[in-house]
Structures are given as C-alpha cells and as structure tokens.
Amino acid sequence: MNKEQKKALLALKTAKGQIDASINMLEEGRYCVDVSNQIIAAQGLLKKANLLILKQHMNHCVHEAFVEDKGSEKIDEIIDILSKVIGK
C-alpha cells in the first residue's frame, strides 16, 4: 500500500466513524443542523479519499499505460470518473 492509499484508507475510516455518529445522532433525536454538519464532514472526507485514490491511479496506472502505449483507455476511464464526480 502506497502513501496515497494509506491516507485514503485513514480518510475512509474516519468518514465511516462520522457516518456512524450521524446515524446515532439521528436515532437520539439530535439537532438537525448538528447532524447535517456531521454528514458534511463525512462527505468532505469521502471526496478527499477519492481524490487520493485518483491521484494514485494517475501516478501509477495511467502513467504505466502511457509507457505501454495504452493511454487512451485510461483517459476514457478518467473521463468517466470525472463525469460522475461533476454529475453529468
């Protein structure tokens, strides 16, 4: 596991904790704004983890594909991912 993957794993585990906390807060009837802030924090960590994973993919898999003259396939993958992130 490389540096980006380790950071992504930590962010995902932290987000998991925040999601669990959000669930508990809802079950306890906590103030809606507090629950919303907890959810926003989890979303931020999920975005961070995704960015780290994509960075790792670009630095390793995409780079290797270009070396092997198969870069266009990886570009299509990245465009597909970006369209999901952007929402188009």
N, C-alpha and C. Protein backbone atom coordinates (compact mmCIF):
# COMPACT_ATOMS: atom_id res chain seq x y z
N MET A 1 0.86 -1.18 0.00
CA MET A 1 0.00 0.00 0.00
C MET A 1 0.90 1.24 0.00
N ASN A 2 0.64 2.15 -0.95
CA ASN A 2 1.47 3.34 -1.03
C ASN A 2 0.92 4.47 -0.16
N LYS A 3 1.60 5.61 -0.19
CA LYS A 3 1.26 6.74 0.67
C LYS A 3 -0.16 7.25 0.43
N GLU A 4 -0.54 7.40 -0.83
CA GLU A 4 -1.88 7.90 -1.14
C GLU A 4 -2.95 6.92 -0.64
N GLN A 5 -2.70 5.64 -0.83
CA GLN A 5 -3.67 4.63 -0.40
C GLN A 5 -3.81 4.62 1.12
N LYS A 6 -2.71 4.79 1.84
CA LYS A 6 -2.77 4.83 3.31
C LYS A 6 -3.57 6.04 3.78
N LYS A 7 -3.34 7.18 3.14
CA LYS A 7 -4.09 8.38 3.51
C LYS A 7 -5.57 8.21 3.18
N ALA A 8 -5.86 7.61 2.03
CA ALA A 8 -7.26 7.38 1.63
C ALA A 8 -7.94 6.44 2.61
N LEU A 9 -7.25 5.40 3.03
CA LEU A 9 -7.82 4.45 3.98
C LEU A 9 -8.14 5.13 5.30
N LEU A 10 -7.24 5.98 5.77
CA LEU A 10 -7.49 6.71 7.01
C LEU A 10 -8.70 7.63 6.86
N ALA A 11 -8.79 8.32 5.73
CA ALA A 11 -9.93 9.21 5.50
C ALA A 11 -11.24 8.42 5.45
N LEU A 12 -11.22 7.26 4.81
CA LEU A 12 -12.42 6.43 4.73
C LEU A 12 -12.84 5.91 6.10
N LYS A 13 -11.87 5.50 6.90
CA LYS A 13 -12.19 5.01 8.24
C LYS A 13 -12.75 6.13 9.11
N THR A 14 -12.19 7.32 8.96
CA THR A 14 -12.70 8.46 9.71
C THR A 14 -14.11 8.81 9.26
N ALA A 15 -14.34 8.79 7.94
CA ALA A 15 -15.68 9.07 7.40
C ALA A 15 -16.68 8.04 7.90
N LYS A 16 -16.25 6.78 7.96
CA LYS A 16 -17.12 5.73 8.48
C LYS A 16 -17.55 6.06 9.91
N GLY A 17 -16.61 6.51 10.72
CA GLY A 17 -16.93 6.90 12.08
C GLY A 17 -17.90 8.06 12.13
N GLN A 18 -17.72 9.02 11.22
CA GLN A 18 -18.63 10.16 11.19
C GLN A 18 -20.02 9.75 10.71
N ILE A 19 -20.09 8.82 9.78
CA ILE A 19 -21.39 8.32 9.32
C ILE A 19 -22.10 7.59 10.46
N ASP A 20 -21.35 6.75 11.17
CA ASP A 20 -21.94 6.07 12.34
C ASP A 20 -22.43 7.09 13.37
N ALA A 21 -21.64 8.14 13.57
CA ALA A 21 -22.05 9.17 14.52
C ALA A 21 -23.31 9.88 14.03
N SER A 22 -23.40 10.12 12.73
CA SER A 22 -24.60 10.76 12.17
C SER A 22 -25.84 9.90 12.41
N ILE A 23 -25.69 8.61 12.22
CA ILE A 23 -26.81 7.68 12.45
C ILE A 23 -27.23 7.74 13.91
N ASN A 24 -26.25 7.67 14.80
CA ASN A 24 -26.56 7.73 16.23
C ASN A 24 -27.23 9.05 16.61
N MET A 25 -26.75 10.13 16.04
CA MET A 25 -27.32 11.44 16.33
C MET A 25 -28.79 11.49 15.90
N LEU A 26 -29.10 10.93 14.74
CA LEU A 26 -30.48 10.88 14.27
C LEU A 26 -31.35 10.03 15.18
N GLU A 27 -30.82 8.88 15.56
CA GLU A 27 -31.57 7.98 16.45
C GLU A 27 -31.83 8.62 17.81
N GLU A 28 -30.92 9.48 18.24
CA GLU A 28 -31.06 10.15 19.53
C GLU A 28 -31.91 11.42 19.44
N GLY A 29 -32.29 11.79 18.21
CA GLY A 29 -33.10 12.99 18.04
C GLY A 29 -32.33 14.28 18.20
N ARG A 30 -31.04 14.25 17.86
CA ARG A 30 -30.20 15.43 18.00
C ARG A 30 -30.61 16.52 17.01
N TYR A 31 -30.15 17.71 17.26
CA TYR A 31 -30.45 18.90 16.47
C TYR A 31 -30.04 18.67 15.01
N CYS A 32 -30.98 18.94 14.11
CA CYS A 32 -30.78 18.65 12.68
C CYS A 32 -29.52 19.29 12.09
N VAL A 33 -29.25 20.52 12.48
CA VAL A 33 -28.08 21.21 11.94
C VAL A 33 -26.79 20.50 12.37
N ASP A 34 -26.77 19.99 13.58
CA ASP A 34 -25.60 19.24 14.05
C ASP A 34 -25.41 17.97 13.23
N VAL A 35 -26.50 17.28 12.95
CA VAL A 35 -26.44 16.06 12.12
C VAL A 35 -25.96 16.42 10.73
N SER A 36 -26.49 17.49 10.18
CA SER A 36 -26.10 17.93 8.84
C SER A 36 -24.61 18.25 8.79
N ASN A 37 -24.10 18.94 9.80
CA ASN A 37 -22.67 19.25 9.83
C ASN A 37 -21.81 17.99 9.89
N GLN A 38 -22.28 16.99 10.60
CA GLN A 38 -21.56 15.72 10.69
C GLN A 38 -21.54 15.04 9.31
N ILE A 39 -22.67 15.09 8.61
CA ILE A 39 -22.75 14.50 7.27
C ILE A 39 -21.84 15.24 6.31
N ILE A 40 -21.82 16.56 6.38
CA ILE A 40 -20.94 17.37 5.52
C ILE A 40 -19.48 17.01 5.75
N ALA A 41 -19.11 16.81 7.01
CA ALA A 41 -17.73 16.43 7.33
C ALA A 41 -17.39 15.07 6.71
N ALA A 42 -18.33 14.13 6.78
CA ALA A 42 -18.10 12.81 6.18
C ALA A 42 -17.97 12.93 4.67
N GLN A 43 -18.80 13.75 4.05
CA GLN A 43 -18.72 13.95 2.60
C GLN A 43 -17.35 14.51 2.20
N GLY A 44 -16.86 15.45 2.99
CA GLY A 44 -15.54 16.02 2.71
C GLY A 44 -14.45 14.97 2.75
N LEU A 45 -14.53 14.08 3.72
CA LEU A 45 -13.52 13.01 3.82
C LEU A 45 -13.66 12.02 2.67
N LEU A 46 -14.87 11.73 2.25
CA LEU A 46 -15.06 10.83 1.11
C LEU A 46 -14.48 11.44 -0.16
N LYS A 47 -14.69 12.74 -0.35
CA LYS A 47 -14.11 13.42 -1.51
C LYS A 47 -12.58 13.39 -1.45
N LYS A 48 -12.03 13.61 -0.26
CA LYS A 48 -10.58 13.58 -0.09
C LYS A 48 -10.04 12.19 -0.41
N ALA A 49 -10.70 11.16 0.09
CA ALA A 49 -10.25 9.79 -0.18
C ALA A 49 -10.31 9.49 -1.67
N ASN A 50 -11.37 9.91 -2.33
CA ASN A 50 -11.49 9.67 -3.76
C ASN A 50 -10.39 10.38 -4.52
N LEU A 51 -10.09 11.61 -4.16
CA LEU A 51 -9.02 12.35 -4.81
C LEU A 51 -7.67 11.65 -4.63
N LEU A 52 -7.42 11.15 -3.44
CA LEU A 52 -6.17 10.43 -3.19
C LEU A 52 -6.08 9.15 -4.03
N ILE A 53 -7.18 8.44 -4.15
CA ILE A 53 -7.19 7.22 -4.95
C ILE A 53 -6.97 7.55 -6.42
N LEU A 54 -7.62 8.61 -6.90
CA LEU A 54 -7.43 9.01 -8.30
C LEU A 54 -6.01 9.51 -8.55
N LYS A 55 -5.43 10.19 -7.57
CA LYS A 55 -4.04 10.63 -7.69
C LYS A 55 -3.12 9.43 -7.84
N GLN A 56 -3.34 8.42 -7.00
CA GLN A 56 -2.54 7.21 -7.07
C GLN A 56 -2.72 6.53 -8.42
N HIS A 57 -3.95 6.49 -8.91
CA HIS A 57 -4.24 5.87 -10.20
C HIS A 57 -3.51 6.61 -11.33
N MET A 58 -3.57 7.93 -11.29
CA MET A 58 -2.90 8.73 -12.33
C MET A 58 -1.38 8.53 -12.29
N ASN A 59 -0.82 8.55 -11.09
CA ASN A 59 0.63 8.45 -10.95
C ASN A 59 1.17 7.06 -11.28
N HIS A 60 0.35 6.05 -11.16
CA HIS A 60 0.85 4.70 -11.37
C HIS A 60 0.22 4.04 -12.59
N CYS A 61 -1.07 3.78 -12.54
CA CYS A 61 -1.73 3.03 -13.61
C CYS A 61 -1.76 3.79 -14.93
N VAL A 62 -2.14 5.06 -14.87
CA VAL A 62 -2.22 5.85 -16.10
C VAL A 62 -0.83 6.07 -16.68
N HIS A 63 0.11 6.39 -15.82
CA HIS A 63 1.49 6.57 -16.27
C HIS A 63 2.01 5.32 -16.96
N GLU A 64 1.79 4.18 -16.33
CA GLU A 64 2.23 2.90 -16.89
C GLU A 64 1.55 2.62 -18.23
N ALA A 65 0.27 2.95 -18.34
CA ALA A 65 -0.46 2.73 -19.59
C ALA A 65 0.14 3.55 -20.72
N PHE A 66 0.53 4.78 -20.44
CA PHE A 66 1.15 5.60 -21.49
C PHE A 66 2.50 5.04 -21.90
N VAL A 67 3.24 4.53 -20.95
CA VAL A 67 4.53 3.91 -21.27
C VAL A 67 4.32 2.71 -22.21
N GLU A 68 3.22 1.98 -21.99
CA GLU A 68 2.90 0.81 -22.80
C GLU A 68 2.04 1.16 -24.02
N ASP A 69 1.88 2.45 -24.32
CA ASP A 69 1.11 2.95 -25.46
C ASP A 69 -0.36 2.52 -25.40
N LYS A 70 -0.92 2.51 -24.19
CA LYS A 70 -2.33 2.20 -23.98
C LYS A 70 -3.02 3.31 -23.20
N GLY A 71 -2.53 4.52 -23.36
CA GLY A 71 -3.01 5.64 -22.57
C GLY A 71 -4.44 6.04 -22.86
N SER A 72 -4.91 5.86 -24.09
CA SER A 72 -6.26 6.32 -24.43
C SER A 72 -7.33 5.58 -23.61
N GLU A 73 -7.10 4.32 -23.30
CA GLU A 73 -8.05 3.56 -22.48
C GLU A 73 -8.16 4.18 -21.08
N LYS A 74 -7.04 4.55 -20.53
CA LYS A 74 -7.03 5.14 -19.18
C LYS A 74 -7.64 6.54 -19.19
N ILE A 75 -7.45 7.28 -20.26
CA ILE A 75 -8.07 8.60 -20.38
C ILE A 75 -9.58 8.44 -20.35
N ASP A 76 -10.10 7.47 -21.08
CA ASP A 76 -11.54 7.21 -21.08
C ASP A 76 -12.05 6.88 -19.68
N GLU A 77 -11.28 6.10 -18.92
CA GLU A 77 -11.66 5.78 -17.54
C GLU A 77 -11.74 7.04 -16.68
N ILE A 78 -10.74 7.89 -16.82
CA ILE A 78 -10.70 9.12 -16.02
C ILE A 78 -11.86 10.04 -16.40
N ILE A 79 -12.14 10.16 -17.69
CA ILE A 79 -13.26 10.99 -18.14
C ILE A 79 -14.57 10.46 -17.56
N ASP A 80 -14.73 9.14 -17.54
CA ASP A 80 -15.94 8.53 -16.97
C ASP A 80 -16.07 8.86 -15.48
N ILE A 81 -14.99 8.74 -14.75
CA ILE A 81 -14.98 9.07 -13.33
C ILE A 81 -15.30 10.55 -13.11
N LEU A 82 -14.65 11.41 -13.88
CA LEU A 82 -14.88 12.85 -13.73
C LEU A 82 -16.33 13.21 -14.05
N SER A 83 -16.93 12.54 -15.01
CA SER A 83 -18.33 12.83 -15.32
C SER A 83 -19.24 12.45 -14.15
N LYS A 84 -18.88 11.41 -13.42
CA LYS A 84 -19.64 11.03 -12.23
C LYS A 84 -19.45 12.04 -11.11
N VAL A 85 -18.23 12.51 -10.95
CA VAL A 85 -17.92 13.47 -9.88
C VAL A 85 -18.60 14.80 -10.17
N ILE A 86 -18.56 15.22 -11.42
CA ILE A 86 -19.14 16.51 -11.81
C ILE A 86 -20.66 16.40 -11.86
N GLY A 87 -21.16 15.21 -12.16
CA GLY A 87 -22.59 15.00 -12.19
C GLY A 87 -23.21 15.18 -13.55
N LYS A 88 -22.47 14.83 -14.56
CA LYS A 88 -23.02 14.96 -15.92
C LYS A 88 -23.11 13.61 -16.58
